[in-house]
Structures are given as C-alpha cells and as structure tokens.
Amino acid sequence: MTRPDLCPACGARNDCTLADPRTADHACWCYGVSIDPAVLEALPPTLRDQSCLCPRCAQVEAQLQAAKRPIP
C-alpha cells in the first residue's frame, strides 16, 4: 500500500500538502511546476496516481528554486 505522504519512486517524504490534514486546504507544490510525462510513465503502473513524487524524483527542483527567487 502506498502512503500519500511518501514518494512512490524513492520512499522519501514528498511534501504533499494534500496528504497532511493540517494543510490539505492548500495547493500542493506540484500544482506550480511542469512534470515531464516521461517521468510519470517511468513509474510502474501500480504506483501511478497513488501519491505525489518528491521534487527530486519529479525532476523539478530547479523549477521550485526559480519560483522562490525574487524577481529583479
């Protein structure tokens, strides 16, 4: 069984706000990034659409860092 707070690819915490009842009313970090469909397709079918990937496995760490930078 997949835990909603863990990445299905590596087992690390995925920081999904929807998986935490205290923050479930906030949008997840994944809503603000583009995840390459090939990354999702690389998951075994039984692990798809079960829980969020972590930013590292989703290959979006650079996108998240860029979103945190102030606009000059």
Protein backbone atom coordinates (compact mmCIF):
# COMPACT_ATOMS: atom_id res chain seq x y z
CA MET A 1 0.00 0.00 0.00
CA THR A 2 1.29 3.46 -0.93
CA ARG A 3 1.42 6.16 1.74
CA PRO A 4 0.17 9.54 0.47
CA ASP A 5 2.99 11.41 2.24
CA LEU A 6 5.80 9.38 0.65
CA CYS A 7 7.23 9.44 -2.85
CA PRO A 8 6.28 6.23 -4.67
CA ALA A 9 9.63 6.21 -6.50
CA CYS A 10 12.13 6.61 -3.64
CA GLY A 11 10.12 6.45 -0.41
CA ALA A 12 11.21 9.92 0.82
CA ARG A 13 8.73 12.48 2.12
CA ASN A 14 7.03 14.12 -0.83
CA ASP A 15 5.96 17.35 0.97
CA CYS A 16 2.44 16.99 -0.43
CA THR A 17 0.16 19.46 1.34
CA LEU A 18 -2.88 17.42 0.34
CA ALA A 19 -1.55 14.39 2.21
CA ASP A 20 -1.41 16.29 5.51
CA PRO A 21 -4.81 17.02 7.10
CA ARG A 22 -3.37 20.23 8.62
CA THR A 23 -2.54 21.66 5.18
CA ALA A 24 -4.99 19.81 2.94
CA ASP A 25 -6.74 23.09 2.07
CA HIS A 26 -3.54 24.44 0.44
CA ALA A 27 -2.42 23.72 -3.11
CA CYS A 28 0.40 21.19 -3.40
CA TRP A 29 3.82 22.33 -4.64
CA CYS A 30 3.28 20.15 -7.72
CA TYR A 31 0.50 22.44 -8.95
CA GLY A 32 3.08 25.12 -9.77
CA VAL A 33 5.54 23.04 -11.81
CA SER A 34 5.65 21.09 -15.05
CA ILE A 35 6.47 17.43 -14.61
CA ASP A 36 7.70 15.69 -17.73
CA PRO A 37 5.15 13.00 -18.65
CA ALA A 38 8.05 10.60 -19.28
CA VAL A 39 8.93 10.82 -15.56
CA LEU A 40 5.44 9.67 -14.63
CA GLU A 41 5.39 6.99 -17.32
CA ALA A 42 8.64 5.57 -15.92
CA LEU A 43 6.79 4.60 -12.73
CA PRO A 44 5.35 1.10 -12.62
CA PRO A 45 1.61 1.31 -13.42
CA THR A 46 0.70 0.16 -9.91
CA LEU A 47 2.44 3.23 -8.40
CA ARG A 48 0.96 5.86 -10.72
CA ASP A 49 -1.71 8.22 -9.44
CA GLN A 50 -1.31 6.96 -5.87
CA SER A 51 0.74 9.78 -4.29
CA CYS A 52 2.97 12.71 -5.25
CA LEU A 53 6.53 12.19 -6.29
CA CYS A 54 9.09 14.12 -4.28
CA PRO A 55 10.59 17.16 -6.07
CA ARG A 56 13.84 15.27 -6.74
CA CYS A 57 12.14 12.29 -8.39
CA ALA A 58 9.76 14.60 -10.25
CA GLN A 59 12.89 16.35 -11.56
CA VAL A 60 11.52 19.81 -10.72
CA GLU A 61 13.92 21.06 -8.05
CA ALA A 62 15.25 23.78 -10.39
CA GLN A 63 11.69 24.96 -11.13
CA LEU A 64 10.92 25.21 -7.42
CA GLN A 65 14.14 27.12 -6.72
CA ALA A 66 13.42 29.54 -9.57
CA ALA A 67 9.93 30.16 -8.19
CA LYS A 68 11.44 31.15 -4.82
CA ARG A 69 13.84 33.72 -6.30
CA PRO A 70 12.69 37.34 -6.13
CA ILE A 71 12.08 39.00 -9.48
CA PRO A 72 14.70 41.75 -10.03
